Each structure stands twice: as C-alpha cells, then as structure tokens.
C-alpha cells in the first residue's frame, strides 16, 4: 500500500518506499541524498519534523505526495 505517515522517521519511510527518496530530495530534503545522513538523522527525524526544521510548507509536501499516488497520514493535524 502506498501510505506515507509523516510522523514516522524518514529512514523508515524510505525503507518501506525506496522510490520516494528522489521525490523527497526534489521537495528540498537535500541532506537525504547523503546515505550517512539518511542513516543517522533520518532514523530520528520524521518528514513532519524535517519540514518544520527546514521551514517547508507541510501542505505542499502532502499535496505533492498525494499527486504522486501516496495516501498521506498525519498531514492535516496540528503540529
């Protein structure tokens, strides 16, 4: 199933959906291009937390993921 939970660690999401890595990098999560960053920081930080840290619009991330065929969980509730 193509469900993405924004509250799960990034590394867990990428492990379950390897194809999403390039999409996340295009959305601005540039550190994910580095495998070491994915394995260290990615194991602790969720997509939601990363978006907040980087100042990204979470709604835009949700819309992009949905446009690419993913069902997004955790995108509409308050931080």
C-alpha atoms as a PDB file:
ATOM      1  CA  UNK A   1       0.000   0.000   0.000  1.00  0.00           C
ATOM      2  CA  UNK A   2       1.290   3.495  -0.816  1.00  0.00           C
ATOM      3  CA  UNK A   3       0.627   5.126   2.530  1.00  0.00           C
ATOM      4  CA  UNK A   4       3.087   7.663   3.927  1.00  0.00           C
ATOM      5  CA  UNK A   5       2.917   8.555   7.623  1.00  0.00           C
ATOM      6  CA  UNK A   6       4.554  11.952   8.110  1.00  0.00           C
ATOM      7  CA  UNK A   7       5.176  11.136  11.773  1.00  0.00           C
ATOM      8  CA  UNK A   8       7.420   8.136  11.084  1.00  0.00           C
ATOM      9  CA  UNK A   9      11.205   8.567  10.832  1.00  0.00           C
ATOM     10  CA  UNK A  10      12.332   9.412   7.305  1.00  0.00           C
ATOM     11  CA  UNK A  11      14.602   6.352   7.154  1.00  0.00           C
ATOM     12  CA  UNK A  12      11.646   4.084   7.920  1.00  0.00           C
ATOM     13  CA  UNK A  13       9.534   5.711   5.200  1.00  0.00           C
ATOM     14  CA  UNK A  14      12.338   5.420   2.625  1.00  0.00           C
ATOM     15  CA  UNK A  15      12.970   1.804   3.625  1.00  0.00           C
ATOM     16  CA  UNK A  16       9.312   0.963   3.025  1.00  0.00           C
ATOM     17  CA  UNK A  17       9.091   3.095  -0.157  1.00  0.00           C
ATOM     18  CA  UNK A  18      12.582   3.469  -1.713  1.00  0.00           C
ATOM     19  CA  UNK A  19      11.106   5.221  -4.739  1.00  0.00           C
ATOM     20  CA  UNK A  20      10.085   8.184  -2.569  1.00  0.00           C
ATOM     21  CA  UNK A  21      13.700   9.193  -1.871  1.00  0.00           C
ATOM     22  CA  UNK A  22      14.119  11.174  -5.103  1.00  0.00           C
ATOM     23  CA  UNK A  23      10.779  12.875  -4.550  1.00  0.00           C
ATOM     24  CA  UNK A  24      11.775  13.969  -1.040  1.00  0.00           C
ATOM     25  CA  UNK A  25      15.089  15.307  -2.323  1.00  0.00           C
ATOM     26  CA  UNK A  26      13.248  17.275  -5.023  1.00  0.00           C
ATOM     27  CA  UNK A  27      10.950  18.688  -2.331  1.00  0.00           C
ATOM     28  CA  UNK A  28      14.017  20.172  -0.651  1.00  0.00           C
ATOM     29  CA  UNK A  29      15.202  17.477   1.712  1.00  0.00           C
ATOM     30  CA  UNK A  30      18.693  17.684   0.172  1.00  0.00           C
ATOM     31  CA  UNK A  31      20.546  16.039   3.104  1.00  0.00           C
ATOM     32  CA  UNK A  32      18.714  12.794   2.268  1.00  0.00           C
ATOM     33  CA  UNK A  33      20.899  12.477  -0.822  1.00  0.00           C
ATOM     34  CA  UNK A  34      23.736  11.584   1.558  1.00  0.00           C
ATOM     35  CA  UNK A  35      23.378   7.940   2.721  1.00  0.00           C
ATOM     36  CA  UNK A  36      25.085   8.728   6.028  1.00  0.00           C
ATOM     37  CA  UNK A  37      22.572  11.476   6.790  1.00  0.00           C
ATOM     38  CA  UNK A  38      19.692   9.128   5.934  1.00  0.00           C
ATOM     39  CA  UNK A  39      21.033   6.512   8.320  1.00  0.00           C
ATOM     40  CA  UNK A  40      21.780   8.870  11.218  1.00  0.00           C
ATOM     41  CA  UNK A  41      19.456  11.859  11.211  1.00  0.00           C
ATOM     42  CA  UNK A  42      16.859  10.011   9.142  1.00  0.00           C
ATOM     43  CA  UNK A  43      16.393   7.431  11.890  1.00  0.00           C
ATOM     44  CA  UNK A  44      15.331  10.103  14.366  1.00  0.00           C
ATOM     45  CA  UNK A  45      13.596  12.826  12.328  1.00  0.00           C
ATOM     46  CA  UNK A  46      10.181  12.458  10.703  1.00  0.00           C
ATOM     47  CA  UNK A  47       9.127  14.142   7.468  1.00  0.00           C
ATOM     48  CA  UNK A  48       6.934  16.442   9.585  1.00  0.00           C
ATOM     49  CA  UNK A  49       9.848  17.406  11.867  1.00  0.00           C
ATOM     50  CA  UNK A  50      12.213  17.856   8.926  1.00  0.00           C
ATOM     51  CA  UNK A  51       9.735  20.124   7.179  1.00  0.00           C
ATOM     52  CA  UNK A  52       9.374  22.232  10.306  1.00  0.00           C
ATOM     53  CA  UNK A  53      13.164  22.443  10.798  1.00  0.00           C
ATOM     54  CA  UNK A  54      13.708  23.446   7.176  1.00  0.00           C
ATOM     55  CA  UNK A  55      10.752  25.842   7.083  1.00  0.00           C
ATOM     56  CA  UNK A  56       8.969  23.897   4.340  1.00  0.00           C
ATOM     57  CA  UNK A  57       5.228  24.106   3.742  1.00  0.00           C
ATOM     58  CA  UNK A  58       3.829  20.802   5.020  1.00  0.00           C
ATOM     59  CA  UNK A  59       0.678  21.234   2.935  1.00  0.00           C
ATOM     60  CA  UNK A  60       2.783  21.453  -0.243  1.00  0.00           C
ATOM     61  CA  UNK A  61       4.606  18.267   0.730  1.00  0.00           C
ATOM     62  CA  UNK A  62       1.289  16.489   1.331  1.00  0.00           C
ATOM     63  CA  UNK A  63      -0.118  17.680  -1.993  1.00  0.00           C
ATOM     64  CA  UNK A  64       2.991  16.556  -3.871  1.00  0.00           C
ATOM     65  CA  UNK A  65       2.942  13.127  -2.244  1.00  0.00           C
ATOM     66  CA  UNK A  66      -0.781  12.731  -2.962  1.00  0.00           C
ATOM     67  CA  UNK A  67      -0.279  13.851  -6.557  1.00  0.00           C
ATOM     68  CA  UNK A  68       2.319  11.098  -6.906  1.00  0.00           C
ATOM     69  CA  UNK A  69      -0.137   8.449  -5.724  1.00  0.00           C
ATOM     70  CA  UNK A  70       0.506   8.266  -1.994  1.00  0.00           C
ATOM     71  CA  UNK A  71      -2.058   8.397   0.761  1.00  0.00           C
ATOM     72  CA  UNK A  72      -0.705  10.777   3.411  1.00  0.00           C
ATOM     73  CA  UNK A  73      -1.281  10.270   7.135  1.00  0.00           C
ATOM     74  CA  UNK A  74      -0.501  12.938   9.701  1.00  0.00           C
ATOM     75  CA  UNK A  75      -0.560  15.901   7.369  1.00  0.00           C
ATOM     76  CA  UNK A  76      -3.740  17.680   8.403  1.00  0.00           C
ATOM     77  CA  UNK A  77      -3.458  17.718  12.181  1.00  0.00           C
ATOM     78  CA  UNK A  78      -1.748  20.473  14.141  1.00  0.00           C
ATOM     79  CA  UNK A  79       1.935  20.273  14.977  1.00  0.00           C
END
